[in-house]
Amino acid sequence: MANNNVKAPLTPAVLHILLALSTRERHGYGIMKQVSADSQAKVKMGPGTLYGSLGRMLEAGLIRESDKKIDPDLDDERRVYYKITGLGQKALQEELLRYREVVAVATSNKLLPSTYAYGT
C-alpha cells in the first residue's frame, strides 16, 4: 500500500535509484549500472542496499513493478523491471530543488571552490 507522505530528504540510495529510473524502466542490475555511470563510479550500490531500497520504495509508492519482463539484450524472463511513479517523480523533483537551494546557499557563502582561481 502506498504511503503518500514521502519524507525529505531522500536517502542517497533512493535518490540515485529515482534518478536511474527517471529516464526509463530498468531491472535491478540495470539500476546498479546506471547509478555507477551517473555517479562516475563514485557510488557503489550492492544488492542488499538496492533491493532493500526498492522494497521500501515500492511500499511508499515511489516506484512500481513494470509490465515489461524481458530484456531483449539479455533475454531473461526472471528480471523484474521497475518504473518510477508520479509520486516518485514528485519526490525526485522536490529533492533536486532542495539540493539546488543548498548549493545556492553554499555559493552565496563562497563555500564552493572557484573553478577560476588557480593556486588559491
PDB file of N, CA and C in Angstrom:
ATOM      1  N   MET A   1       0.837  -1.184   0.000  1.00  0.00           N
ATOM      2  CA  MET A   1       0.000   0.000   0.000  1.00  0.00           C
ATOM      3  C   MET A   1       0.881   1.246   0.000  1.00  0.00           C
ATOM      4  N   ALA A   2       0.534   2.182  -0.835  1.00  0.00           N
ATOM      5  CA  ALA A   2       1.355   3.381  -0.984  1.00  0.00           C
ATOM      6  C   ALA A   2       1.189   4.304   0.215  1.00  0.00           C
ATOM      7  N   ASN A   3       2.308   4.831   0.637  1.00  0.00           N
ATOM      8  CA  ASN A   3       2.334   5.822   1.697  1.00  0.00           C
ATOM      9  C   ASN A   3       2.646   7.150   1.025  1.00  0.00           C
ATOM     10  N   ASN A   4       1.658   8.034   0.914  1.00  0.00           N
ATOM     11  CA  ASN A   4       1.835   9.267   0.153  1.00  0.00           C
ATOM     12  C   ASN A   4       2.580  10.352   0.903  1.00  0.00           C
ATOM     13  N   ASN A   5       3.121  10.042   2.067  1.00  0.00           N
ATOM     14  CA  ASN A   5       3.901  11.004   2.826  1.00  0.00           C
ATOM     15  C   ASN A   5       5.380  10.662   2.699  1.00  0.00           C
ATOM     16  N   VAL A   6       6.017  11.155   1.641  1.00  0.00           N
ATOM     17  CA  VAL A   6       7.429  10.881   1.418  1.00  0.00           C
ATOM     18  C   VAL A   6       8.232  11.866   2.245  1.00  0.00           C
ATOM     19  N   LYS A   7       9.134  11.332   3.042  1.00  0.00           N
ATOM     20  CA  LYS A   7       9.938  12.176   3.910  1.00  0.00           C
ATOM     21  C   LYS A   7      11.140  12.718   3.149  1.00  0.00           C
ATOM     22  N   ALA A   8      11.390  14.004   3.311  1.00  0.00           N
ATOM     23  CA  ALA A   8      12.595  14.600   2.759  1.00  0.00           C
ATOM     24  C   ALA A   8      13.560  14.772   3.911  1.00  0.00           C
ATOM     25  N   PRO A   9      14.801  14.670   3.740  1.00  0.00           N
ATOM     26  CA  PRO A   9      15.451  14.349   2.474  1.00  0.00           C
ATOM     27  C   PRO A   9      15.408  12.850   2.184  1.00  0.00           C
ATOM     28  N   LEU A  10      15.562  12.533   0.906  1.00  0.00           N
ATOM     29  CA  LEU A  10      15.653  11.141   0.490  1.00  0.00           C
ATOM     30  C   LEU A  10      17.032  10.603   0.849  1.00  0.00           C
ATOM     31  N   THR A  11      17.127   9.310   1.068  1.00  0.00           N
ATOM     32  CA  THR A  11      18.447   8.725   1.297  1.00  0.00           C
ATOM     33  C   THR A  11      19.222   8.783  -0.019  1.00  0.00           C
ATOM     34  N   PRO A  12      20.554   8.780   0.035  1.00  0.00           N
ATOM     35  CA  PRO A  12      21.329   8.786  -1.210  1.00  0.00           C
ATOM     36  C   PRO A  12      20.956   7.619  -2.123  1.00  0.00           C
ATOM     37  N   ALA A  13      20.713   6.440  -1.574  1.00  0.00           N
ATOM     38  CA  ALA A  13      20.356   5.287  -2.410  1.00  0.00           C
ATOM     39  C   ALA A  13      19.044   5.538  -3.143  1.00  0.00           C
ATOM     40  N   VAL A  14      18.033   6.027  -2.424  1.00  0.00           N
ATOM     41  CA  VAL A  14      16.738   6.295  -3.041  1.00  0.00           C
ATOM     42  C   VAL A  14      16.872   7.377  -4.102  1.00  0.00           C
ATOM     43  N   LEU A  15      17.609   8.421  -3.823  1.00  0.00           N
ATOM     44  CA  LEU A  15      17.827   9.485  -4.806  1.00  0.00           C
ATOM     45  C   LEU A  15      18.450   8.924  -6.077  1.00  0.00           C
ATOM     46  N   HIS A  16      19.499   8.129  -5.947  1.00  0.00           N
ATOM     47  CA  HIS A  16      20.174   7.582  -7.130  1.00  0.00           C
ATOM     48  C   HIS A  16      19.280   6.605  -7.894  1.00  0.00           C
ATOM     49  N   ILE A  17      18.480   5.826  -7.185  1.00  0.00           N
ATOM     50  CA  ILE A  17      17.572   4.896  -7.860  1.00  0.00           C
ATOM     51  C   ILE A  17      16.510   5.672  -8.635  1.00  0.00           C
ATOM     52  N   LEU A  18      15.950   6.710  -8.018  1.00  0.00           N
ATOM     53  CA  LEU A  18      14.955   7.529  -8.727  1.00  0.00           C
ATOM     54  C   LEU A  18      15.567   8.200  -9.954  1.00  0.00           C
ATOM     55  N   LEU A  19      16.797   8.686  -9.822  1.00  0.00           N
ATOM     56  CA  LEU A  19      17.467   9.277 -10.988  1.00  0.00           C
ATOM     57  C   LEU A  19      17.622   8.243 -12.104  1.00  0.00           C
ATOM     58  N   ALA A  20      18.019   7.030 -11.734  1.00  0.00           N
ATOM     59  CA  ALA A  20      18.215   5.976 -12.735  1.00  0.00           C
ATOM     60  C   ALA A  20      16.899   5.604 -13.415  1.00  0.00           C
ATOM     61  N   LEU A  21      15.806   5.626 -12.663  1.00  0.00           N
ATOM     62  CA  LEU A  21      14.509   5.248 -13.229  1.00  0.00           C
ATOM     63  C   LEU A  21      13.804   6.419 -13.905  1.00  0.00           C
ATOM     64  N   SER A  22      14.336   7.627 -13.770  1.00  0.00           N
ATOM     65  CA  SER A  22      13.670   8.799 -14.339  1.00  0.00           C
ATOM     66  C   SER A  22      13.727   8.823 -15.863  1.00  0.00           C
ATOM     67  N   THR A  23      14.659   8.089 -16.454  1.00  0.00           N
ATOM     68  CA  THR A  23      14.795   8.112 -17.906  1.00  0.00           C
ATOM     69  C   THR A  23      14.173   6.904 -18.590  1.00  0.00           C
ATOM     70  N   ARG A  24      14.078   5.762 -17.849  1.00  0.00           N
ATOM     71  CA  ARG A  24      13.426   4.581 -18.430  1.00  0.00           C
ATOM     72  C   ARG A  24      13.300   3.492 -17.375  1.00  0.00           C
ATOM     73  N   GLU A  25      12.481   2.504 -17.691  1.00  0.00           N
ATOM     74  CA  GLU A  25      12.310   1.359 -16.811  1.00  0.00           C
ATOM     75  C   GLU A  25      13.598   0.544 -16.807  1.00  0.00           C
ATOM     76  N   ARG A  26      13.938  -0.008 -15.649  1.00  0.00           N
ATOM     77  CA  ARG A  26      15.169  -0.791 -15.534  1.00  0.00           C
ATOM     78  C   ARG A  26      14.957  -1.943 -14.560  1.00  0.00           C
ATOM     79  N   HIS A  27      15.750  -2.985 -14.735  1.00  0.00           N
ATOM     80  CA  HIS A  27      15.787  -4.074 -13.764  1.00  0.00           C
ATOM     81  C   HIS A  27      16.905  -3.772 -12.777  1.00  0.00           C
ATOM     82  N   GLY A  28      17.006  -4.579 -11.707  1.00  0.00           N
ATOM     83  CA  GLY A  28      17.949  -4.304 -10.633  1.00  0.00           C
ATOM     84  C   GLY A  28      19.375  -4.088 -11.092  1.00  0.00           C
ATOM     85  N   TYR A  29      19.893  -5.009 -11.906  1.00  0.00           N
ATOM     86  CA  TYR A  29      21.275  -4.874 -12.364  1.00  0.00           C
ATOM     87  C   TYR A  29      21.429  -3.629 -13.233  1.00  0.00           C
ATOM     88  N   GLY A  30      20.407  -3.338 -14.040  1.00  0.00           N
ATOM     89  CA  GLY A  30      20.438  -2.126 -14.870  1.00  0.00           C
ATOM     90  C   GLY A  30      20.464  -0.863 -14.025  1.00  0.00           C
ATOM     91  N   ILE A  31      19.739  -0.890 -12.899  1.00  0.00           N
ATOM     92  CA  ILE A  31      19.755   0.253 -11.982  1.00  0.00           C
ATOM     93  C   ILE A  31      21.155   0.423 -11.399  1.00  0.00           C
ATOM     94  N   MET A  32      21.758  -0.681 -10.947  1.00  0.00           N
ATOM     95  CA  MET A  32      23.112  -0.595 -10.369  1.00  0.00           C
ATOM     96  C   MET A  32      24.101  -0.039 -11.388  1.00  0.00           C
ATOM     97  N   LYS A  33      24.019  -0.487 -12.642  1.00  0.00           N
ATOM     98  CA  LYS A  33      24.922   0.010 -13.687  1.00  0.00           C
ATOM     99  C   LYS A  33      24.692   1.493 -13.961  1.00  0.00           C
ATOM    100  N   GLN A  34      23.424   1.923 -13.976  1.00  0.00           N
ATOM    101  CA  GLN A  34      23.126   3.333 -14.249  1.00  0.00           C
ATOM    102  C   GLN A  34      23.585   4.221 -13.105  1.00  0.00           C
ATOM    103  N   VAL A  35      23.402   3.775 -11.866  1.00  0.00           N
ATOM    104  CA  VAL A  35      23.867   4.550 -10.704  1.00  0.00           C
ATOM    105  C   VAL A  35      25.378   4.724 -10.785  1.00  0.00           C
ATOM    106  N   SER A  36      26.082   3.674 -11.131  1.00  0.00           N
ATOM    107  CA  SER A  36      27.534   3.756 -11.268  1.00  0.00           C
ATOM    108  C   SER A  36      27.921   4.741 -12.382  1.00  0.00           C
ATOM    109  N   ALA A  37      27.223   4.663 -13.515  1.00  0.00           N
ATOM    110  CA  ALA A  37      27.517   5.573 -14.631  1.00  0.00           C
ATOM    111  C   ALA A  37      27.189   7.018 -14.254  1.00  0.00           C
ATOM    112  N   ASP A  38      26.020   7.236 -13.651  1.00  0.00           N
ATOM    113  CA  ASP A  38      25.612   8.602 -13.277  1.00  0.00           C
ATOM    114  C   ASP A  38      26.568   9.231 -12.282  1.00  0.00           C
ATOM    115  N   SER A  39      27.118   8.428 -11.391  1.00  0.00           N
ATOM    116  CA  SER A  39      27.997   8.952 -10.342  1.00  0.00           C
ATOM    117  C   SER A  39      29.471   8.862 -10.712  1.00  0.00           C
ATOM    118  N   GLN A  40      29.761   8.510 -11.945  1.00  0.00           N
ATOM    119  CA  GLN A  40      31.138   8.318 -12.412  1.00  0.00           C
ATOM    120  C   GLN A  40      31.862   7.347 -11.487  1.00  0.00           C
ATOM    121  N   ALA A  41      31.153   6.261 -11.133  1.00  0.00           N
ATOM    122  CA  ALA A  41      31.658   5.149 -10.303  1.00  0.00           C
ATOM    123  C   ALA A  41      31.971   5.560  -8.861  1.00  0.00           C
ATOM    124  N   LYS A  42      31.468   6.715  -8.419  1.00  0.00           N
ATOM    125  CA  LYS A  42      31.702   7.143  -7.038  1.00  0.00           C
ATOM    126  C   LYS A  42      30.705   6.506  -6.083  1.00  0.00           C
ATOM    127  N   VAL A  43      29.549   6.105  -6.593  1.00  0.00           N
ATOM    128  CA  VAL A  43      28.543   5.446  -5.766  1.00  0.00           C
ATOM    129  C   VAL A  43      28.498   3.982  -6.166  1.00  0.00           C
ATOM    130  N   LYS A  44      28.765   3.122  -5.207  1.00  0.00           N
ATOM    131  CA  LYS A  44      28.713   1.677  -5.425  1.00  0.00           C
ATOM    132  C   LYS A  44      27.525   1.146  -4.633  1.00  0.00           C
ATOM    133  N   MET A  45      26.550   0.622  -5.335  1.00  0.00           N
ATOM    134  CA  MET A  45      25.339   0.134  -4.695  1.00  0.00           C
ATOM    135  C   MET A  45      25.311  -1.386  -4.807  1.00  0.00           C
ATOM    136  N   GLY A  46      25.421  -2.054  -3.685  1.00  0.00           N
ATOM    137  CA  GLY A  46      25.369  -3.500  -3.676  1.00  0.00           C
ATOM    138  C   GLY A  46      23.936  -4.004  -3.701  1.00  0.00           C
ATOM    139  N   PRO A  47      23.771  -5.308  -3.900  1.00  0.00           N
ATOM    140  CA  PRO A  47      22.426  -5.881  -3.968  1.00  0.00           C
ATOM    141  C   PRO A  47      21.601  -5.670  -2.702  1.00  0.00           C
ATOM    142  N   GLY A  48      22.219  -5.729  -1.522  1.00  0.00           N
ATOM    143  CA  GLY A  48      21.471  -5.529  -0.276  1.00  0.00           C
ATOM    144  C   GLY A  48      20.872  -4.142  -0.194  1.00  0.00           C
ATOM    145  N   THR A  49      21.677  -3.133  -0.479  1.00  0.00           N
ATOM    146  CA  THR A  49      21.191  -1.748  -0.470  1.00  0.00           C
ATOM    147  C   THR A  49      20.136  -1.548  -1.542  1.00  0.00           C
ATOM    148  N   LEU A  50      20.411  -2.063  -2.744  1.00  0.00           N
ATOM    149  CA  LEU A  50      19.488  -1.877  -3.860  1.00  0.00           C
ATOM    150  C   LEU A  50      18.126  -2.497  -3.566  1.00  0.00           C
ATOM    151  N   TYR A  51      18.113  -3.774  -3.244  1.00  0.00           N
ATOM    152  CA  TYR A  51      16.830  -4.456  -3.087  1.00  0.00           C
ATOM    153  C   TYR A  51      16.108  -4.055  -1.807  1.00  0.00           C
ATOM    154  N   GLY A  52      16.840  -3.694  -0.754  1.00  0.00           N
ATOM    155  CA  GLY A  52      16.201  -3.150   0.442  1.00  0.00           C
ATOM    156  C   GLY A  52      15.523  -1.824   0.127  1.00  0.00           C
ATOM    157  N   SER A  53      16.226  -0.968  -0.617  1.00  0.00           N
ATOM    158  CA  SER A  53      15.665   0.332  -1.006  1.00  0.00           C
ATOM    159  C   SER A  53      14.477   0.153  -1.948  1.00  0.00           C
ATOM    160  N   LEU A  54      14.597  -0.747  -2.912  1.00  0.00           N
ATOM    161  CA  LEU A  54      13.490  -0.981  -3.843  1.00  0.00           C
ATOM    162  C   LEU A  54      12.232  -1.430  -3.093  1.00  0.00           C
ATOM    163  N   GLY A  55      12.401  -2.306  -2.107  1.00  0.00           N
ATOM    164  CA  GLY A  55      11.251  -2.763  -1.323  1.00  0.00           C
ATOM    165  C   GLY A  55      10.566  -1.625  -0.597  1.00  0.00           C
ATOM    166  N   ARG A  56      11.363  -0.766   0.034  1.00  0.00           N
ATOM    167  CA  ARG A  56      10.791   0.378   0.749  1.00  0.00           C
ATOM    168  C   ARG A  56      10.157   1.375  -0.231  1.00  0.00           C
ATOM    169  N   MET A  57      10.765   1.530  -1.404  1.00  0.00           N
ATOM    170  CA  MET A  57      10.236   2.456  -2.404  1.00  0.00           C
ATOM    171  C   MET A  57       8.921   1.945  -2.989  1.00  0.00           C
ATOM    172  N   LEU A  58       8.811   0.634  -3.188  1.00  0.00           N
ATOM    173  CA  LEU A  58       7.551   0.036  -3.647  1.00  0.00           C
ATOM    174  C   LEU A  58       6.456   0.293  -2.610  1.00  0.00           C
ATOM    175  N   GLU A  59       6.781   0.052  -1.351  1.00  0.00           N
ATOM    176  CA  GLU A  59       5.817   0.240  -0.267  1.00  0.00           C
ATOM    177  C   GLU A  59       5.380   1.698  -0.160  1.00  0.00           C
ATOM    178  N   ALA A  60       6.298   2.625  -0.389  1.00  0.00           N
ATOM    179  CA  ALA A  60       5.998   4.058  -0.292  1.00  0.00           C
ATOM    180  C   ALA A  60       5.292   4.588  -1.541  1.00  0.00           C
ATOM    181  N   GLY A  61       5.233   3.784  -2.603  1.00  0.00           N
ATOM    182  CA  GLY A  61       4.573   4.224  -3.827  1.00  0.00           C
ATOM    183  C   GLY A  61       5.437   5.072  -4.735  1.00  0.00           C
ATOM    184  N   LEU A  62       6.761   5.091  -4.494  1.00  0.00           N
ATOM    185  CA  LEU A  62       7.669   5.882  -5.332  1.00  0.00           C
ATOM    186  C   LEU A  62       7.944   5.197  -6.667  1.00  0.00           C
ATOM    187  N   ILE A  63       7.881   3.882  -6.671  1.00  0.00           N
ATOM    188  CA  ILE A  63       8.112   3.090  -7.868  1.00  0.00           C
ATOM    189  C   ILE A  63       7.077   1.971  -7.894  1.00  0.00           C
ATOM    190  N   ARG A  64       6.979   1.308  -9.025  1.00  0.00           N
ATOM    191  CA  ARG A  64       6.139   0.119  -9.137  1.00  0.00           C
ATOM    192  C   ARG A  64       6.822  -0.856 -10.078  1.00  0.00           C
ATOM    193  N   GLU A  65       6.395  -2.107  -9.996  1.00  0.00           N
ATOM    194  CA  GLU A  65       6.911  -3.077 -10.945  1.00  0.00           C
ATOM    195  C   GLU A  65       6.287  -2.779 -12.294  1.00  0.00           C
ATOM    196  N   SER A  66       7.086  -2.914 -13.324  1.00  0.00           N
ATOM    197  CA  SER A  66       6.649  -2.659 -14.686  1.00  0.00           C
ATOM    198  C   SER A  66       6.037  -3.920 -15.278  1.00  0.00           C
ATOM    199  N   ASP A  67       5.282  -3.751 -16.330  1.00  0.00           N
ATOM    200  CA  ASP A  67       4.751  -4.898 -17.066  1.00  0.00           C
ATOM    201  C   ASP A  67       5.825  -5.519 -17.951  1.00  0.00           C
ATOM    202  N   LYS A  68       6.892  -4.769 -18.201  1.00  0.00           N
ATOM    203  CA  LYS A  68       7.986  -5.260 -19.042  1.00  0.00           C
ATOM    204  C   LYS A  68       8.699  -6.390 -18.304  1.00  0.00           C
ATOM    205  N   LYS A  69       8.944  -7.486 -18.972  1.00  0.00           N
ATOM    206  CA  LYS A  69       9.536  -8.633 -18.296  1.00  0.00           C
ATOM    207  C   LYS A  69      10.825  -9.138 -18.931  1.00  0.00           C
ATOM    208  N   ILE A  70      11.054  -8.873 -20.192  1.00  0.00           N
ATOM    209  CA  ILE A  70      12.227  -9.456 -20.841  1.00  0.00           C
ATOM    210  C   ILE A  70      13.110  -8.352 -21.413  1.00  0.00           C
ATOM    211  N   ASP A  71      14.388  -8.407 -21.068  1.00  0.00           N
ATOM    212  CA  ASP A  71      15.372  -7.510 -21.646  1.00  0.00           C
ATOM    213  C   ASP A  71      15.822  -8.142 -22.954  1.00  0.00           C
ATOM    214  N   PRO A  72      15.554  -7.491 -24.105  1.00  0.00           N
ATOM    215  CA  PRO A  72      15.924  -8.107 -25.381  1.00  0.00           C
ATOM    216  C   PRO A  72      17.411  -8.413 -25.489  1.00  0.00           C
ATOM    217  N   ASP A  73      18.252  -7.639 -24.809  1.00  0.00           N
ATOM    218  CA  ASP A  73      19.697  -7.877 -24.869  1.00  0.00           C
ATOM    219  C   ASP A  73      20.097  -9.093 -24.040  1.00  0.00           C
ATOM    220  N   LEU A  74      19.368  -9.343 -22.948  1.00  0.00           N
ATOM    221  CA  LEU A  74      19.735 -10.428 -22.042  1.00  0.00           C
ATOM    222  C   LEU A  74      18.790 -11.620 -22.147  1.00  0.00           C
ATOM    223  N   ASP A  75      17.572 -11.390 -22.682  1.00  0.00           N
ATOM    224  CA  ASP A  75      16.599 -12.450 -22.897  1.00  0.00           C
ATOM    225  C   ASP A  75      16.393 -13.291 -21.644  1.00  0.00           C
ATOM    226  N   ASP A  76      16.151 -12.632 -20.526  1.00  0.00           N
ATOM    227  CA  ASP A  76      15.993 -13.320 -19.251  1.00  0.00           C
ATOM    228  C   ASP A  76      14.620 -12.985 -18.673  1.00  0.00           C
ATOM    229  N   GLU A  77      13.729 -13.953 -18.614  1.00  0.00           N
ATOM    230  CA  GLU A  77      12.360 -13.729 -18.156  1.00  0.00           C
ATOM    231  C   GLU A  77      12.260 -13.486 -16.652  1.00  0.00           C
ATOM    232  N   ARG A  78      13.296 -13.793 -15.885  1.00  0.00           N
ATOM    233  CA  ARG A  78      13.231 -13.646 -14.431  1.00  0.00           C
ATOM    234  C   ARG A  78      13.425 -12.215 -13.971  1.00  0.00           C
ATOM    235  N   ARG A  79      13.932 -11.366 -14.793  1.00  0.00           N
ATOM    236  CA  ARG A  79      14.216  -9.997 -14.378  1.00  0.00           C
ATOM    237  C   ARG A  79      12.935  -9.216 -14.115  1.00  0.00           C
ATOM    238  N   VAL A  80      12.919  -8.523 -12.981  1.00  0.00           N
ATOM    239  CA  VAL A  80      11.799  -7.654 -12.638  1.00  0.00           C
ATOM    240  C   VAL A  80      12.212  -6.232 -12.976  1.00  0.00           C
ATOM    241  N   TYR A  81      11.379  -5.558 -13.735  1.00  0.00           N
ATOM    242  CA  TYR A  81      11.645  -4.170 -14.103  1.00  0.00           C
ATOM    243  C   TYR A  81      10.859  -3.248 -13.190  1.00  0.00           C
ATOM    244  N   TYR A  82      11.437  -2.086 -12.931  1.00  0.00           N
ATOM    245  CA  TYR A  82      10.821  -1.100 -12.065  1.00  0.00           C
ATOM    246  C   TYR A  82      10.610   0.183 -12.839  1.00  0.00           C
ATOM    247  N   LYS A  83       9.559   0.896 -12.452  1.00  0.00           N
ATOM    248  CA  LYS A  83       9.174   2.130 -13.127  1.00  0.00           C
ATOM    249  C   LYS A  83       8.878   3.180 -12.063  1.00  0.00           C
ATOM    250  N   ILE A  84       9.309   4.408 -12.286  1.00  0.00           N
ATOM    251  CA  ILE A  84       9.027   5.497 -11.354  1.00  0.00           C
ATOM    252  C   ILE A  84       7.551   5.876 -11.477  1.00  0.00           C
ATOM    253  N   THR A  85       6.924   6.199 -10.362  1.00  0.00           N
ATOM    254  CA  THR A  85       5.517   6.623 -10.349  1.00  0.00           C
ATOM    255  C   THR A  85       5.440   8.148 -10.332  1.00  0.00           C
ATOM    256  N   GLY A  86       4.237   8.670 -10.422  1.00  0.00           N
ATOM    257  CA  GLY A  86       4.044  10.117 -10.311  1.00  0.00           C
ATOM    258  C   GLY A  86       4.535  10.632  -8.968  1.00  0.00           C
ATOM    259  N   LEU A  87       4.249   9.880  -7.912  1.00  0.00           N
ATOM    260  CA  LEU A  87       4.727  10.261  -6.579  1.00  0.00           C
ATOM    261  C   LEU A  87       6.257  10.239  -6.532  1.00  0.00           C
ATOM    262  N   GLY A  88       6.862   9.259  -7.174  1.00  0.00           N
ATOM    263  CA  GLY A  88       8.318   9.176  -7.235  1.00  0.00           C
ATOM    264  C   GLY A  88       8.913  10.354  -7.987  1.00  0.00           C
ATOM    265  N   GLN A  89       8.273  10.738  -9.082  1.00  0.00           N
ATOM    266  CA  GLN A  89       8.751  11.897  -9.849  1.00  0.00           C
ATOM    267  C   GLN A  89       8.651  13.169  -9.021  1.00  0.00           C
ATOM    268  N   LYS A  90       7.550  13.295  -8.280  1.00  0.00           N
ATOM    269  CA  LYS A  90       7.370  14.480  -7.423  1.00  0.00           C
ATOM    270  C   LYS A  90       8.431  14.509  -6.328  1.00  0.00           C
ATOM    271  N   ALA A  91       8.681  13.367  -5.696  1.00  0.00           N
ATOM    272  CA  ALA A  91       9.694  13.303  -4.636  1.00  0.00           C
ATOM    273  C   ALA A  91      11.074  13.641  -5.192  1.00  0.00           C
ATOM    274  N   LEU A  92      11.383  13.146  -6.396  1.00  0.00           N
ATOM    275  CA  LEU A  92      12.671  13.439  -7.027  1.00  0.00           C
ATOM    276  C   LEU A  92      12.790  14.932  -7.320  1.00  0.00           C
ATOM    277  N   GLN A  93      11.756  15.534  -7.872  1.00  0.00           N
ATOM    278  CA  GLN A  93      11.789  16.974  -8.170  1.00  0.00           C
ATOM    279  C   GLN A  93      11.988  17.797  -6.900  1.00  0.00           C
ATOM    280  N   GLU A  94      11.262  17.438  -5.841  1.00  0.00           N
ATOM    281  CA  GLU A  94      11.397  18.172  -4.579  1.00  0.00           C
ATOM    282  C   GLU A  94      12.806  18.038  -4.011  1.00  0.00           C
ATOM    283  N   GLU A  95      13.368  16.840  -4.121  1.00  0.00           N
ATOM    284  CA  GLU A  95      14.731  16.635  -3.603  1.00  0.00           C
ATOM    285  C   GLU A  95      15.747  17.429  -4.417  1.00  0.00           C
ATOM    286  N   LEU A  96      15.585  17.450  -5.736  1.00  0.00           N
ATOM    287  CA  LEU A  96      16.516  18.205  -6.579  1.00  0.00           C
ATOM    288  C   LEU A  96      16.402  19.702  -6.309  1.00  0.00           C
ATOM    289  N   LEU A  97      15.198  20.195  -6.046  1.00  0.00           N
ATOM    290  CA  LEU A  97      15.031  21.607  -5.676  1.00  0.00           C
ATOM    291  C   LEU A  97      15.706  21.904  -4.342  1.00  0.00           C
ATOM    292  N   ARG A  98      15.591  20.959  -3.398  1.00  0.00           N
ATOM    293  CA  ARG A  98      16.251  21.123  -2.104  1.00  0.00           C
ATOM    294  C   ARG A  98      17.764  21.208  -2.292  1.00  0.00           C
ATOM    295  N   TYR A  99      18.315  20.340  -3.153  1.00  0.00           N
ATOM    296  CA  TYR A  99      19.749  20.382  -3.436  1.00  0.00           C
ATOM    297  C   TYR A  99      20.124  21.717  -4.079  1.00  0.00           C
ATOM    298  N   ARG A 100      19.289  22.206  -4.990  1.00  0.00           N
ATOM    299  CA  ARG A 100      19.569  23.488  -5.644  1.00  0.00           C
ATOM    300  C   ARG A 100      19.662  24.603  -4.609  1.00  0.00           C
ATOM    301  N   GLU A 101      18.740  24.590  -3.626  1.00  0.00           N
ATOM    302  CA  GLU A 101      18.753  25.607  -2.574  1.00  0.00           C
ATOM    303  C   GLU A 101      20.005  25.502  -1.711  1.00  0.00           C
ATOM    304  N   VAL A 102      20.435  24.288  -1.408  1.00  0.00           N
ATOM    305  CA  VAL A 102      21.652  24.090  -0.613  1.00  0.00           C
ATOM    306  C   VAL A 102      22.866  24.627  -1.369  1.00  0.00           C
ATOM    307  N   VAL A 103      22.943  24.331  -2.668  1.00  0.00           N
ATOM    308  CA  VAL A 103      24.072  24.807  -3.479  1.00  0.00           C
ATOM    309  C   VAL A 103      24.038  26.340  -3.575  1.00  0.00           C
ATOM    310  N   ALA A 104      22.838  26.927  -3.665  1.00  0.00           N
ATOM    311  CA  ALA A 104      22.738  28.394  -3.713  1.00  0.00           C
ATOM    312  C   ALA A 104      23.278  29.022  -2.437  1.00  0.00           C
ATOM    313  N   VAL A 105      22.953  28.447  -1.292  1.00  0.00           N
ATOM    314  CA  VAL A 105      23.467  28.969  -0.016  1.00  0.00           C
ATOM    315  C   VAL A 105      24.986  28.820   0.026  1.00  0.00           C
ATOM    316  N   ALA A 106      25.480  27.652  -0.359  1.00  0.00           N
ATOM    317  CA  ALA A 106      26.934  27.420  -0.353  1.00  0.00           C
ATOM    318  C   ALA A 106      27.641  28.389  -1.293  1.00  0.00           C
ATOM    319  N   THR A 107      27.037  28.655  -2.438  1.00  0.00           N
ATOM    320  CA  THR A 107      27.631  29.587  -3.402  1.00  0.00           C
ATOM    321  C   THR A 107      27.639  31.006  -2.839  1.00  0.00           C
ATOM    322  N   SER A 108      26.524  31.420  -2.247  1.00  0.00           N
ATOM    323  CA  SER A 108      26.474  32.792  -1.730  1.00  0.00           C
ATOM    324  C   SER A 108      27.419  32.984  -0.546  1.00  0.00           C
ATOM    325  N   ASN A 109      27.695  31.907   0.176  1.00  0.00           N
ATOM    326  CA  ASN A 109      28.639  31.985   1.292  1.00  0.00           C
ATOM    327  C   ASN A 109      30.077  31.684   0.863  1.00  0.00           C
ATOM    328  N   LYS A 110      30.265  31.566  -0.433  1.00  0.00           N
ATOM    329  CA  LYS A 110      31.587  31.316  -1.023  1.00  0.00           C
ATOM    330  C   LYS A 110      32.242  30.058  -0.424  1.00  0.00           C
ATOM    331  N   LEU A 111      31.428  29.014  -0.261  1.00  0.00           N
ATOM    332  CA  LEU A 111      31.927  27.763   0.300  1.00  0.00           C
ATOM    333  C   LEU A 111      32.390  26.777  -0.771  1.00  0.00           C
ATOM    334  N   LEU A 112      32.013  27.051  -2.013  1.00  0.00           N
ATOM    335  CA  LEU A 112      32.428  26.165  -3.096  1.00  0.00           C
ATOM    336  C   LEU A 112      33.745  26.654  -3.671  1.00  0.00           C
ATOM    337  N   PRO A 113      34.636  25.730  -4.022  1.00  0.00           N
ATOM    338  CA  PRO A 113      35.890  26.158  -4.630  1.00  0.00           C
ATOM    339  C   PRO A 113      35.611  26.798  -5.985  1.00  0.00           C
ATOM    340  N   SER A 114      36.321  27.836  -6.264  1.00  0.00           N
ATOM    341  CA  SER A 114      36.176  28.516  -7.535  1.00  0.00           C
ATOM    342  C   SER A 114      36.904  27.751  -8.614  1.00  0.00           C
ATOM    343  N   THR A 115      36.233  27.573  -9.734  1.00  0.00           N
ATOM    344  CA  THR A 115      36.890  26.867 -10.850  1.00  0.00           C
ATOM    345  C   THR A 115      37.839  27.799 -11.601  1.00  0.00           C
ATOM    346  N   TYR A 116      37.797  29.091 -11.261  1.00  0.00           N
ATOM    347  CA  TYR A 116      38.640  30.052 -11.974  1.00  0.00           C
ATOM    348  C   TYR A 116      39.856  30.486 -11.179  1.00  0.00           C
ATOM    349  N   ALA A 117      39.900  30.129  -9.908  1.00  0.00           N
ATOM    350  CA  ALA A 117      41.018  30.553  -9.077  1.00  0.00           C
ATOM    351  C   ALA A 117      42.119  29.502  -9.123  1.00  0.00           C
ATOM    352  N   TYR A 118      43.274  29.905  -9.616  1.00  0.00           N
ATOM    353  CA  TYR A 118      44.411  28.993  -9.679  1.00  0.00           C
ATOM    354  C   TYR A 118      45.386  29.317  -8.581  1.00  0.00           C
ATOM    355  N   GLY A 119      45.835  28.288  -7.884  1.00  0.00           N
ATOM    356  CA  GLY A 119      46.848  28.466  -6.862  1.00  0.00           C
ATOM    357  C   GLY A 119      46.337  29.098  -5.581  1.00  0.00           C
ATOM    358  N   THR A 120      45.007  29.109  -5.385  1.00  0.00           N
ATOM    359  CA  THR A 120      44.468  29.684  -4.145  1.00  0.00           C
ATOM    360  C   THR A 120      43.804  28.618  -3.317  1.00  0.00           C
TER     361      THR A 120
END
